[in-house]
């Protein structure tokens, strides 16, 4: 992934002034590595202007928020594709991230051997939620979202990004133990039987 427009010492010296947070069309400001003569690195939790100085001006806040939105939009095409497996034409999907990956693949294989086909998806980016993730959920009648928490945080994130909530069924585990392929396959088998 591109790191934006990086400025070396020569490029910084040619500028009339260095604006670390310059407002740009794509939202990505030219930047110099910290320690580059003539450049600066200023990081705070406060909003800053184009020069990196703290600013409480409402117009500046709007300009910087809009700049970040442009940066995010420019980045979307470069997000890594999700990992897919299983039966792409299945009406039932399974989706999860992190340590669930191998367990989901093996559970899908076990269920496929029983005649229960699953389309699998493991997003590699959570935010912004890639279009392909929402499209995957929309393409299925039902998607099991597998997570290690009590609240269904990933499912809520997907719904907030536009995924149809009626197609999402959470499979949650929060007892401190990992999912097992047999246990996960059993949960899906049971849900599919109802």
N, C-alpha and C. Protein backbone atom coordinates (compact mmCIF):
# COMPACT_ATOMS: atom_id res chain seq x y z
N UNK A 1 0.84 -1.17 0.00
CA UNK A 1 0.00 0.00 0.00
C UNK A 1 0.88 1.24 0.00
N UNK A 2 0.52 2.24 -0.77
CA UNK A 2 1.29 3.47 -0.84
C UNK A 2 1.27 4.19 0.50
N UNK A 3 2.36 4.83 0.83
CA UNK A 3 2.48 5.56 2.09
C UNK A 3 2.25 7.05 1.90
N UNK A 4 1.60 7.44 0.81
CA UNK A 4 1.36 8.85 0.56
C UNK A 4 2.56 9.48 -0.10
N UNK A 5 2.58 10.78 -0.15
CA UNK A 5 3.66 11.52 -0.78
C UNK A 5 4.73 11.82 0.26
N UNK A 6 5.77 11.02 0.28
CA UNK A 6 6.83 11.18 1.27
C UNK A 6 7.84 12.20 0.76
N UNK A 7 8.19 13.13 1.63
CA UNK A 7 9.14 14.19 1.28
C UNK A 7 10.49 13.91 1.94
N UNK A 8 11.56 14.03 1.14
CA UNK A 8 12.89 13.92 1.73
C UNK A 8 13.39 15.33 2.06
N UNK A 9 14.60 15.44 2.57
CA UNK A 9 15.14 16.73 2.97
C UNK A 9 15.18 17.72 1.81
N UNK A 10 15.55 17.24 0.63
CA UNK A 10 15.62 18.12 -0.54
C UNK A 10 14.24 18.66 -0.91
N UNK A 11 13.23 17.79 -0.88
CA UNK A 11 11.88 18.22 -1.23
C UNK A 11 11.34 19.22 -0.20
N UNK A 12 11.61 18.99 1.07
CA UNK A 12 11.16 19.92 2.12
C UNK A 12 11.83 21.28 1.94
N UNK A 13 13.13 21.26 1.59
CA UNK A 13 13.86 22.53 1.46
C UNK A 13 13.35 23.36 0.29
N UNK A 14 12.70 22.73 -0.69
CA UNK A 14 12.16 23.47 -1.84
C UNK A 14 10.80 24.09 -1.56
N UNK A 15 10.16 23.74 -0.45
CA UNK A 15 8.85 24.28 -0.11
C UNK A 15 8.98 25.67 0.50
N UNK A 16 8.01 26.53 0.23
CA UNK A 16 7.97 27.82 0.91
C UNK A 16 7.69 27.60 2.40
N UNK A 17 6.81 26.64 2.68
CA UNK A 17 6.52 26.26 4.05
C UNK A 17 6.03 24.82 4.07
N UNK A 18 6.35 24.11 5.12
CA UNK A 18 5.95 22.71 5.25
C UNK A 18 4.66 22.65 6.06
N UNK A 19 3.64 22.12 5.46
CA UNK A 19 2.37 21.93 6.16
C UNK A 19 2.14 20.43 6.31
N UNK A 20 2.37 19.93 7.49
CA UNK A 20 2.25 18.49 7.73
C UNK A 20 0.84 17.98 7.42
N UNK A 21 -0.18 18.78 7.64
CA UNK A 21 -1.56 18.34 7.44
C UNK A 21 -2.23 19.13 6.31
N UNK A 22 -1.47 19.36 5.24
CA UNK A 22 -1.95 20.10 4.09
C UNK A 22 -3.26 19.49 3.57
N UNK A 23 -4.23 20.36 3.29
CA UNK A 23 -5.49 19.89 2.71
C UNK A 23 -5.25 19.56 1.24
N UNK A 24 -5.54 18.33 0.86
CA UNK A 24 -5.30 17.87 -0.50
C UNK A 24 -6.57 17.26 -1.08
N UNK A 25 -6.59 17.10 -2.40
CA UNK A 25 -7.77 16.56 -3.08
C UNK A 25 -8.06 15.13 -2.64
N UNK A 26 -7.02 14.31 -2.46
CA UNK A 26 -7.27 12.91 -2.07
C UNK A 26 -7.21 12.69 -0.56
N UNK A 27 -6.97 13.77 0.20
CA UNK A 27 -6.94 13.66 1.65
C UNK A 27 -5.62 13.20 2.23
N UNK A 28 -4.64 12.88 1.39
CA UNK A 28 -3.34 12.41 1.87
C UNK A 28 -2.34 13.56 1.79
N UNK A 29 -1.83 13.97 2.94
CA UNK A 29 -0.88 15.09 2.99
C UNK A 29 0.53 14.61 2.72
N UNK A 30 1.33 15.41 1.97
CA UNK A 30 2.75 15.08 1.82
C UNK A 30 3.39 15.13 3.20
N UNK A 31 4.30 14.20 3.48
CA UNK A 31 4.88 14.16 4.82
C UNK A 31 6.36 13.83 4.79
N UNK A 32 7.03 14.30 5.82
CA UNK A 32 8.46 14.02 5.98
C UNK A 32 8.62 13.11 7.18
N UNK A 33 9.51 12.14 7.07
CA UNK A 33 9.80 11.24 8.17
C UNK A 33 10.27 12.07 9.36
N UNK A 34 9.79 11.77 10.58
CA UNK A 34 10.24 12.53 11.75
C UNK A 34 11.77 12.59 11.79
N UNK A 35 12.27 13.80 12.04
CA UNK A 35 13.71 14.03 12.08
C UNK A 35 14.25 14.63 10.80
N UNK A 36 13.44 14.68 9.74
CA UNK A 36 13.88 15.29 8.49
C UNK A 36 14.03 16.79 8.72
N UNK A 37 15.18 17.37 8.42
CA UNK A 37 15.36 18.81 8.61
C UNK A 37 14.31 19.59 7.83
N UNK A 38 13.69 20.55 8.51
CA UNK A 38 12.66 21.39 7.90
C UNK A 38 11.27 20.79 8.01
N UNK A 39 11.19 19.52 8.34
CA UNK A 39 9.89 18.87 8.53
C UNK A 39 9.55 18.89 10.00
N UNK A 40 8.39 18.37 10.35
CA UNK A 40 8.06 18.27 11.76
C UNK A 40 7.12 17.10 11.96
N UNK A 41 7.11 16.60 13.17
CA UNK A 41 6.20 15.53 13.53
C UNK A 41 5.53 15.94 14.82
N UNK A 42 4.27 16.27 14.74
CA UNK A 42 3.52 16.72 15.90
C UNK A 42 2.27 15.87 15.99
N UNK A 43 2.13 15.12 17.04
CA UNK A 43 0.97 14.26 17.21
C UNK A 43 0.35 14.55 18.56
N UNK A 44 -0.91 14.94 18.52
CA UNK A 44 -1.67 15.16 19.76
C UNK A 44 -3.06 14.58 19.55
N UNK A 45 -3.84 14.57 20.57
CA UNK A 45 -5.23 14.12 20.46
C UNK A 45 -6.14 15.25 20.04
N UNK A 46 -5.58 16.42 19.80
CA UNK A 46 -6.38 17.58 19.43
C UNK A 46 -6.44 17.74 17.92
N UNK A 47 -7.44 18.48 17.45
CA UNK A 47 -7.50 18.82 16.03
C UNK A 47 -6.40 19.81 15.74
N UNK A 48 -5.83 19.75 14.54
CA UNK A 48 -4.75 20.65 14.15
C UNK A 48 -5.06 21.28 12.80
N UNK A 49 -4.37 22.35 12.52
CA UNK A 49 -4.53 22.98 11.22
C UNK A 49 -3.50 22.40 10.25
N UNK A 50 -3.38 22.99 9.07
CA UNK A 50 -2.47 22.45 8.05
C UNK A 50 -1.01 22.46 8.49
N UNK A 51 -0.65 23.34 9.40
CA UNK A 51 0.74 23.44 9.85
C UNK A 51 1.02 22.52 11.04
N UNK A 52 -0.02 21.86 11.56
CA UNK A 52 0.14 20.97 12.70
C UNK A 52 -0.09 21.64 14.04
N UNK A 53 -0.59 22.86 14.02
CA UNK A 53 -0.85 23.60 15.25
C UNK A 53 -2.26 23.30 15.74
N UNK A 54 -2.44 23.17 17.04
CA UNK A 54 -3.76 22.89 17.60
C UNK A 54 -4.71 24.02 17.23
N UNK A 55 -5.91 23.64 16.79
CA UNK A 55 -6.91 24.62 16.39
C UNK A 55 -8.27 24.20 16.91
N UNK A 56 -9.00 25.16 17.46
CA UNK A 56 -10.37 24.89 17.90
C UNK A 56 -11.39 25.55 16.98
N UNK A 57 -10.93 26.06 15.84
CA UNK A 57 -11.83 26.72 14.88
C UNK A 57 -12.75 25.70 14.23
N UNK A 58 -14.04 25.97 14.27
CA UNK A 58 -15.03 25.04 13.72
C UNK A 58 -14.80 24.78 12.23
N UNK A 59 -14.47 25.81 11.47
CA UNK A 59 -14.24 25.63 10.03
C UNK A 59 -13.04 24.72 9.78
N UNK A 60 -12.00 24.84 10.60
CA UNK A 60 -10.84 23.97 10.47
C UNK A 60 -11.23 22.53 10.79
N UNK A 61 -12.01 22.33 11.83
CA UNK A 61 -12.44 20.98 12.20
C UNK A 61 -13.19 20.33 11.04
N UNK A 62 -14.11 21.06 10.43
CA UNK A 62 -14.87 20.53 9.30
C UNK A 62 -13.94 20.20 8.14
N UNK A 63 -13.01 21.10 7.85
CA UNK A 63 -12.06 20.87 6.75
C UNK A 63 -11.21 19.63 6.99
N UNK A 64 -10.74 19.43 8.22
CA UNK A 64 -9.91 18.27 8.52
C UNK A 64 -10.72 16.97 8.53
N UNK A 65 -11.95 17.02 9.01
CA UNK A 65 -12.81 15.82 8.97
C UNK A 65 -13.11 15.45 7.51
N UNK A 66 -13.40 16.45 6.69
CA UNK A 66 -13.64 16.20 5.27
C UNK A 66 -12.39 15.62 4.60
N UNK A 67 -11.22 16.13 5.00
CA UNK A 67 -9.95 15.62 4.47
C UNK A 67 -9.79 14.14 4.82
N UNK A 68 -10.10 13.76 6.06
CA UNK A 68 -9.98 12.36 6.46
C UNK A 68 -10.96 11.48 5.68
N UNK A 69 -12.14 12.01 5.41
CA UNK A 69 -13.12 11.24 4.61
C UNK A 69 -12.59 11.02 3.20
N UNK A 70 -11.95 12.03 2.61
CA UNK A 70 -11.36 11.86 1.27
C UNK A 70 -10.23 10.83 1.30
N UNK A 71 -9.43 10.87 2.36
CA UNK A 71 -8.33 9.91 2.50
C UNK A 71 -8.89 8.48 2.56
N UNK A 72 -9.95 8.29 3.33
CA UNK A 72 -10.57 6.98 3.44
C UNK A 72 -11.14 6.52 2.11
N UNK A 73 -11.78 7.44 1.39
CA UNK A 73 -12.34 7.10 0.07
C UNK A 73 -11.23 6.74 -0.91
N UNK A 74 -10.11 7.45 -0.85
CA UNK A 74 -8.99 7.16 -1.76
C UNK A 74 -8.34 5.82 -1.42
N UNK A 75 -8.42 5.41 -0.17
CA UNK A 75 -7.81 4.18 0.29
C UNK A 75 -8.64 2.93 -0.05
N UNK A 76 -9.96 3.07 -0.13
CA UNK A 76 -10.85 1.91 -0.29
C UNK A 76 -10.43 0.94 -1.40
N UNK A 77 -10.06 1.43 -2.60
CA UNK A 77 -9.69 0.47 -3.65
C UNK A 77 -8.42 -0.33 -3.33
N UNK A 78 -7.63 0.12 -2.37
CA UNK A 78 -6.38 -0.58 -2.03
C UNK A 78 -6.53 -1.56 -0.87
N UNK A 79 -7.73 -1.66 -0.30
CA UNK A 79 -7.92 -2.57 0.83
C UNK A 79 -7.71 -4.01 0.38
N UNK A 80 -7.13 -4.85 1.21
CA UNK A 80 -6.90 -6.24 0.80
C UNK A 80 -8.21 -7.00 0.67
N UNK A 81 -8.26 -7.88 -0.32
CA UNK A 81 -9.45 -8.71 -0.53
C UNK A 81 -9.61 -9.67 0.63
N UNK A 82 -10.86 -10.02 0.88
CA UNK A 82 -11.16 -11.03 1.89
C UNK A 82 -10.74 -12.40 1.38
N UNK A 83 -10.60 -13.34 2.29
CA UNK A 83 -10.29 -14.72 1.94
C UNK A 83 -11.61 -15.48 1.83
N UNK A 84 -11.77 -16.20 0.72
CA UNK A 84 -13.01 -16.96 0.49
C UNK A 84 -12.72 -18.45 0.44
N UNK A 85 -13.72 -19.24 0.78
CA UNK A 85 -13.63 -20.70 0.67
C UNK A 85 -15.04 -21.26 0.58
N UNK A 86 -15.12 -22.54 0.37
CA UNK A 86 -16.41 -23.22 0.37
C UNK A 86 -17.15 -23.12 -0.94
N UNK A 87 -18.47 -23.27 -0.87
CA UNK A 87 -19.37 -23.28 -2.02
C UNK A 87 -19.88 -21.86 -2.26
N UNK A 88 -19.31 -21.18 -3.24
CA UNK A 88 -19.67 -19.78 -3.51
C UNK A 88 -21.15 -19.62 -3.86
N UNK A 89 -21.79 -20.68 -4.32
CA UNK A 89 -23.20 -20.57 -4.71
C UNK A 89 -24.15 -20.95 -3.58
N UNK A 90 -23.61 -21.31 -2.42
CA UNK A 90 -24.47 -21.70 -1.29
C UNK A 90 -25.29 -20.51 -0.81
N UNK A 91 -26.47 -20.79 -0.35
CA UNK A 91 -27.33 -19.73 0.19
C UNK A 91 -27.01 -19.41 1.63
N UNK A 92 -26.14 -20.20 2.24
CA UNK A 92 -25.76 -20.00 3.63
C UNK A 92 -24.28 -19.66 3.67
N UNK A 93 -23.95 -18.64 4.44
CA UNK A 93 -22.56 -18.21 4.55
C UNK A 93 -22.06 -18.26 5.97
N UNK A 94 -20.75 -18.21 6.09
CA UNK A 94 -20.09 -18.13 7.39
C UNK A 94 -19.02 -17.06 7.27
N UNK A 95 -18.91 -16.23 8.31
CA UNK A 95 -18.00 -15.08 8.26
C UNK A 95 -17.39 -14.89 9.63
N UNK A 96 -16.11 -14.64 9.66
CA UNK A 96 -15.43 -14.36 10.92
C UNK A 96 -14.03 -13.85 10.63
N UNK A 97 -13.35 -13.44 11.70
CA UNK A 97 -12.01 -12.88 11.57
C UNK A 97 -11.07 -13.55 12.57
N UNK A 98 -9.79 -13.35 12.37
CA UNK A 98 -8.80 -13.76 13.34
C UNK A 98 -8.69 -15.26 13.55
N UNK A 99 -8.62 -15.66 14.82
CA UNK A 99 -8.33 -17.04 15.16
C UNK A 99 -9.44 -18.01 14.76
N UNK A 100 -10.59 -17.50 14.40
CA UNK A 100 -11.68 -18.37 13.95
C UNK A 100 -11.44 -18.92 12.55
N UNK A 101 -10.52 -18.36 11.80
CA UNK A 101 -10.36 -18.69 10.38
C UNK A 101 -10.22 -20.18 10.11
N UNK A 102 -9.25 -20.82 10.69
CA UNK A 102 -9.03 -22.24 10.44
C UNK A 102 -10.20 -23.10 10.92
N UNK A 103 -10.77 -22.73 12.05
CA UNK A 103 -11.90 -23.47 12.60
C UNK A 103 -13.10 -23.37 11.65
N UNK A 104 -13.34 -22.18 11.11
CA UNK A 104 -14.47 -22.01 10.18
C UNK A 104 -14.28 -22.83 8.92
N UNK A 105 -13.06 -22.86 8.39
CA UNK A 105 -12.80 -23.64 7.18
C UNK A 105 -13.05 -25.12 7.45
N UNK A 106 -12.52 -25.63 8.56
CA UNK A 106 -12.70 -27.05 8.86
C UNK A 106 -14.16 -27.38 9.16
N UNK A 107 -14.85 -26.52 9.88
CA UNK A 107 -16.28 -26.75 10.15
C UNK A 107 -17.06 -26.77 8.83
N UNK A 108 -16.70 -25.86 7.90
CA UNK A 108 -17.37 -25.82 6.59
C UNK A 108 -17.14 -27.13 5.83
N UNK A 109 -15.91 -27.64 5.89
CA UNK A 109 -15.60 -28.91 5.21
C UNK A 109 -16.40 -30.06 5.81
N UNK A 110 -16.53 -30.09 7.12
CA UNK A 110 -17.30 -31.16 7.78
C UNK A 110 -18.77 -31.07 7.36
N UNK A 111 -19.31 -29.88 7.34
CA UNK A 111 -20.71 -29.71 6.96
C UNK A 111 -20.92 -30.03 5.49
N UNK A 112 -19.98 -29.66 4.64
CA UNK A 112 -20.09 -29.98 3.20
C UNK A 112 -20.14 -31.49 3.00
N UNK A 113 -19.38 -32.24 3.80
CA UNK A 113 -19.39 -33.70 3.70
C UNK A 113 -20.76 -34.28 4.08
N UNK A 114 -21.53 -33.51 4.84
CA UNK A 114 -22.88 -33.93 5.24
C UNK A 114 -23.95 -33.37 4.30
N UNK A 115 -23.52 -32.63 3.28
CA UNK A 115 -24.47 -32.05 2.33
C UNK A 115 -24.94 -30.65 2.68
N UNK A 116 -24.31 -30.02 3.66
CA UNK A 116 -24.66 -28.64 4.03
C UNK A 116 -23.55 -27.73 3.51
N UNK A 117 -23.79 -27.10 2.37
CA UNK A 117 -22.78 -26.25 1.76
C UNK A 117 -22.77 -24.86 2.38
N UNK A 118 -21.59 -24.33 2.58
CA UNK A 118 -21.42 -22.98 3.11
C UNK A 118 -20.47 -22.20 2.21
N UNK A 119 -20.77 -20.93 2.03
CA UNK A 119 -19.84 -19.99 1.41
C UNK A 119 -19.12 -19.30 2.56
N UNK A 120 -17.81 -19.30 2.54
CA UNK A 120 -17.05 -18.71 3.63
C UNK A 120 -16.35 -17.43 3.24
N UNK A 121 -16.26 -16.50 4.20
CA UNK A 121 -15.58 -15.22 3.95
C UNK A 121 -14.88 -14.80 5.24
N UNK A 122 -13.58 -14.46 5.10
CA UNK A 122 -12.82 -13.89 6.21
C UNK A 122 -12.29 -12.52 5.77
N UNK A 123 -12.97 -11.44 6.21
CA UNK A 123 -12.49 -10.10 5.87
C UNK A 123 -11.09 -9.87 6.43
N UNK A 124 -10.29 -9.14 5.68
CA UNK A 124 -8.95 -8.78 6.15
C UNK A 124 -8.88 -7.32 6.56
N UNK A 125 -10.00 -6.62 6.40
CA UNK A 125 -10.11 -5.24 6.84
C UNK A 125 -11.46 -5.10 7.54
N UNK A 126 -11.46 -4.47 8.71
CA UNK A 126 -12.72 -4.27 9.43
C UNK A 126 -13.34 -2.90 9.15
N UNK A 127 -12.48 -1.87 9.05
CA UNK A 127 -13.01 -0.53 8.81
C UNK A 127 -12.09 0.25 7.91
N UNK A 128 -12.59 0.85 6.87
CA UNK A 128 -14.00 0.82 6.49
C UNK A 128 -14.39 -0.57 6.01
N UNK A 129 -15.63 -0.96 6.28
CA UNK A 129 -16.09 -2.28 5.86
C UNK A 129 -16.08 -2.32 4.33
N UNK A 130 -15.31 -3.23 3.75
CA UNK A 130 -15.23 -3.30 2.29
C UNK A 130 -16.57 -3.67 1.66
N UNK A 131 -16.81 -3.15 0.47
CA UNK A 131 -18.05 -3.44 -0.25
C UNK A 131 -18.25 -4.93 -0.44
N UNK A 132 -17.16 -5.67 -0.68
CA UNK A 132 -17.30 -7.10 -0.94
C UNK A 132 -17.89 -7.85 0.25
N UNK A 133 -17.69 -7.33 1.46
CA UNK A 133 -18.24 -7.98 2.65
C UNK A 133 -19.76 -7.81 2.69
N UNK A 134 -20.21 -6.59 2.43
CA UNK A 134 -21.66 -6.34 2.41
C UNK A 134 -22.30 -7.13 1.27
N UNK A 135 -21.65 -7.15 0.11
CA UNK A 135 -22.18 -7.90 -1.04
C UNK A 135 -22.26 -9.38 -0.74
N UNK A 136 -21.28 -9.92 -0.02
CA UNK A 136 -21.30 -11.34 0.37
C UNK A 136 -22.54 -11.62 1.23
N UNK A 137 -22.79 -10.79 2.21
CA UNK A 137 -23.94 -10.99 3.10
C UNK A 137 -25.24 -10.88 2.31
N UNK A 138 -25.31 -9.90 1.41
CA UNK A 138 -26.51 -9.73 0.59
C UNK A 138 -26.75 -10.91 -0.34
N UNK A 139 -25.67 -11.61 -0.73
CA UNK A 139 -25.80 -12.73 -1.67
C UNK A 139 -26.28 -14.01 -1.00
N UNK A 140 -26.28 -14.03 0.31
CA UNK A 140 -26.69 -15.22 1.06
C UNK A 140 -28.06 -15.01 1.69
N UNK A 141 -28.76 -16.10 1.90
CA UNK A 141 -30.03 -16.02 2.64
C UNK A 141 -29.77 -15.81 4.12
N UNK A 142 -28.65 -16.37 4.58
CA UNK A 142 -28.29 -16.33 5.99
C UNK A 142 -26.77 -16.40 6.09
N UNK A 143 -26.22 -15.63 7.01
CA UNK A 143 -24.78 -15.65 7.25
C UNK A 143 -24.54 -15.79 8.75
N UNK A 144 -23.78 -16.81 9.09
CA UNK A 144 -23.39 -17.01 10.48
C UNK A 144 -22.12 -16.22 10.74
N UNK A 145 -22.20 -15.26 11.66
CA UNK A 145 -21.04 -14.44 12.02
C UNK A 145 -20.49 -15.00 13.32
N UNK A 146 -19.26 -15.51 13.25
CA UNK A 146 -18.63 -16.22 14.35
C UNK A 146 -17.71 -15.26 15.08
N UNK A 147 -17.92 -15.12 16.41
CA UNK A 147 -17.11 -14.17 17.18
C UNK A 147 -16.89 -14.63 18.61
N UNK A 148 -15.77 -14.17 19.16
CA UNK A 148 -15.44 -14.41 20.57
C UNK A 148 -15.78 -13.19 21.41
N UNK A 149 -17.04 -12.93 21.63
CA UNK A 149 -17.47 -11.89 22.55
C UNK A 149 -18.96 -12.09 22.83
N UNK A 150 -19.45 -11.42 23.83
CA UNK A 150 -20.84 -11.61 24.26
C UNK A 150 -21.82 -10.69 23.53
N UNK A 151 -21.32 -9.67 22.86
CA UNK A 151 -22.20 -8.66 22.29
C UNK A 151 -22.42 -8.77 20.79
N UNK A 152 -21.66 -9.58 20.10
CA UNK A 152 -21.78 -9.64 18.64
C UNK A 152 -21.26 -8.37 17.99
N UNK A 153 -20.08 -7.95 18.41
CA UNK A 153 -19.51 -6.68 17.96
C UNK A 153 -19.31 -6.63 16.45
N UNK A 154 -18.80 -7.70 15.86
CA UNK A 154 -18.58 -7.72 14.41
C UNK A 154 -19.92 -7.65 13.68
N UNK A 155 -20.89 -8.40 14.14
CA UNK A 155 -22.22 -8.36 13.51
C UNK A 155 -22.79 -6.94 13.56
N UNK A 156 -22.66 -6.27 14.70
CA UNK A 156 -23.16 -4.89 14.82
C UNK A 156 -22.42 -3.94 13.87
N UNK A 157 -21.10 -4.13 13.75
CA UNK A 157 -20.32 -3.31 12.84
C UNK A 157 -20.81 -3.50 11.40
N UNK A 158 -21.03 -4.75 11.01
CA UNK A 158 -21.49 -5.04 9.64
C UNK A 158 -22.86 -4.43 9.38
N UNK A 159 -23.75 -4.54 10.34
CA UNK A 159 -25.10 -3.97 10.19
C UNK A 159 -25.01 -2.45 10.09
N UNK A 160 -24.16 -1.84 10.91
CA UNK A 160 -24.03 -0.38 10.86
C UNK A 160 -23.46 0.10 9.53
N UNK A 161 -22.74 -0.80 8.83
CA UNK A 161 -22.16 -0.45 7.52
C UNK A 161 -23.10 -0.79 6.36
N UNK A 162 -24.30 -1.28 6.67
CA UNK A 162 -25.28 -1.52 5.62
C UNK A 162 -25.65 -2.95 5.34
N UNK A 163 -25.10 -3.89 6.09
CA UNK A 163 -25.47 -5.30 5.89
C UNK A 163 -26.89 -5.51 6.39
N UNK A 164 -27.68 -6.32 5.68
CA UNK A 164 -29.06 -6.56 6.11
C UNK A 164 -29.10 -7.40 7.39
N UNK A 165 -29.60 -6.82 8.46
CA UNK A 165 -29.58 -7.48 9.78
C UNK A 165 -30.37 -8.79 9.78
N UNK A 166 -31.42 -8.88 8.98
CA UNK A 166 -32.24 -10.09 8.97
C UNK A 166 -31.51 -11.30 8.39
N UNK A 167 -30.38 -11.08 7.75
CA UNK A 167 -29.61 -12.19 7.17
C UNK A 167 -28.46 -12.63 8.07
N UNK A 168 -28.25 -11.94 9.18
CA UNK A 168 -27.12 -12.24 10.05
C UNK A 168 -27.58 -12.99 11.29
N UNK A 169 -26.90 -14.10 11.56
CA UNK A 169 -27.11 -14.88 12.78
C UNK A 169 -25.76 -14.98 13.48
N UNK A 170 -25.71 -14.50 14.71
CA UNK A 170 -24.45 -14.54 15.46
C UNK A 170 -24.25 -15.90 16.11
N UNK A 171 -23.02 -16.37 16.06
CA UNK A 171 -22.59 -17.53 16.84
C UNK A 171 -21.48 -16.99 17.74
N UNK A 172 -21.78 -16.89 19.02
CA UNK A 172 -20.89 -16.24 19.96
C UNK A 172 -20.33 -17.23 20.97
N UNK A 173 -19.09 -17.00 21.34
CA UNK A 173 -18.48 -17.77 22.42
C UNK A 173 -17.68 -16.80 23.26
N UNK A 174 -17.92 -16.81 24.57
CA UNK A 174 -17.23 -15.87 25.45
C UNK A 174 -16.91 -16.49 26.81
N UNK A 175 -16.66 -17.81 26.77
CA UNK A 175 -16.30 -18.51 28.00
C UNK A 175 -14.79 -18.65 28.17
N UNK A 176 -14.03 -18.02 27.28
CA UNK A 176 -12.57 -18.08 27.37
C UNK A 176 -11.96 -19.23 26.61
N UNK A 177 -12.79 -20.10 26.03
CA UNK A 177 -12.29 -21.25 25.27
C UNK A 177 -12.47 -21.00 23.78
N UNK A 178 -11.60 -21.56 22.95
CA UNK A 178 -11.74 -21.37 21.51
C UNK A 178 -12.85 -22.23 20.93
N UNK A 179 -13.35 -21.81 19.78
CA UNK A 179 -14.27 -22.65 19.01
C UNK A 179 -13.49 -23.89 18.56
N UNK A 180 -14.20 -24.98 18.39
CA UNK A 180 -13.62 -26.17 17.77
C UNK A 180 -14.39 -26.42 16.48
N UNK A 181 -13.77 -27.05 15.50
CA UNK A 181 -14.49 -27.32 14.25
C UNK A 181 -15.78 -28.11 14.48
N UNK A 182 -15.70 -29.15 15.34
CA UNK A 182 -16.89 -29.94 15.61
C UNK A 182 -17.98 -29.16 16.32
N UNK A 183 -17.57 -28.35 17.28
CA UNK A 183 -18.54 -27.54 18.01
C UNK A 183 -19.20 -26.50 17.12
N UNK A 184 -18.41 -25.85 16.29
CA UNK A 184 -18.95 -24.84 15.39
C UNK A 184 -19.87 -25.49 14.35
N UNK A 185 -19.44 -26.61 13.79
CA UNK A 185 -20.28 -27.33 12.83
C UNK A 185 -21.59 -27.74 13.50
N UNK A 186 -21.53 -28.18 14.76
CA UNK A 186 -22.73 -28.56 15.48
C UNK A 186 -23.68 -27.38 15.68
N UNK A 187 -23.15 -26.22 16.00
CA UNK A 187 -24.00 -25.03 16.17
C UNK A 187 -24.70 -24.66 14.88
N UNK A 188 -23.99 -24.74 13.77
CA UNK A 188 -24.59 -24.42 12.48
C UNK A 188 -25.60 -25.49 12.07
N UNK A 189 -25.25 -26.75 12.27
CA UNK A 189 -26.15 -27.86 11.95
C UNK A 189 -27.46 -27.69 12.71
N UNK A 190 -27.36 -27.38 13.99
CA UNK A 190 -28.55 -27.19 14.83
C UNK A 190 -29.38 -26.01 14.35
N UNK A 191 -28.71 -24.89 14.05
CA UNK A 191 -29.43 -23.71 13.56
C UNK A 191 -30.11 -23.96 12.22
N UNK A 192 -29.46 -24.72 11.36
CA UNK A 192 -30.04 -25.02 10.05
C UNK A 192 -31.23 -25.96 10.15
N UNK A 193 -31.28 -26.75 11.22
CA UNK A 193 -32.38 -27.71 11.40
C UNK A 193 -33.66 -27.02 11.90
N UNK A 194 -33.53 -25.82 12.44
CA UNK A 194 -34.73 -25.15 12.97
C UNK A 194 -35.42 -24.29 11.94
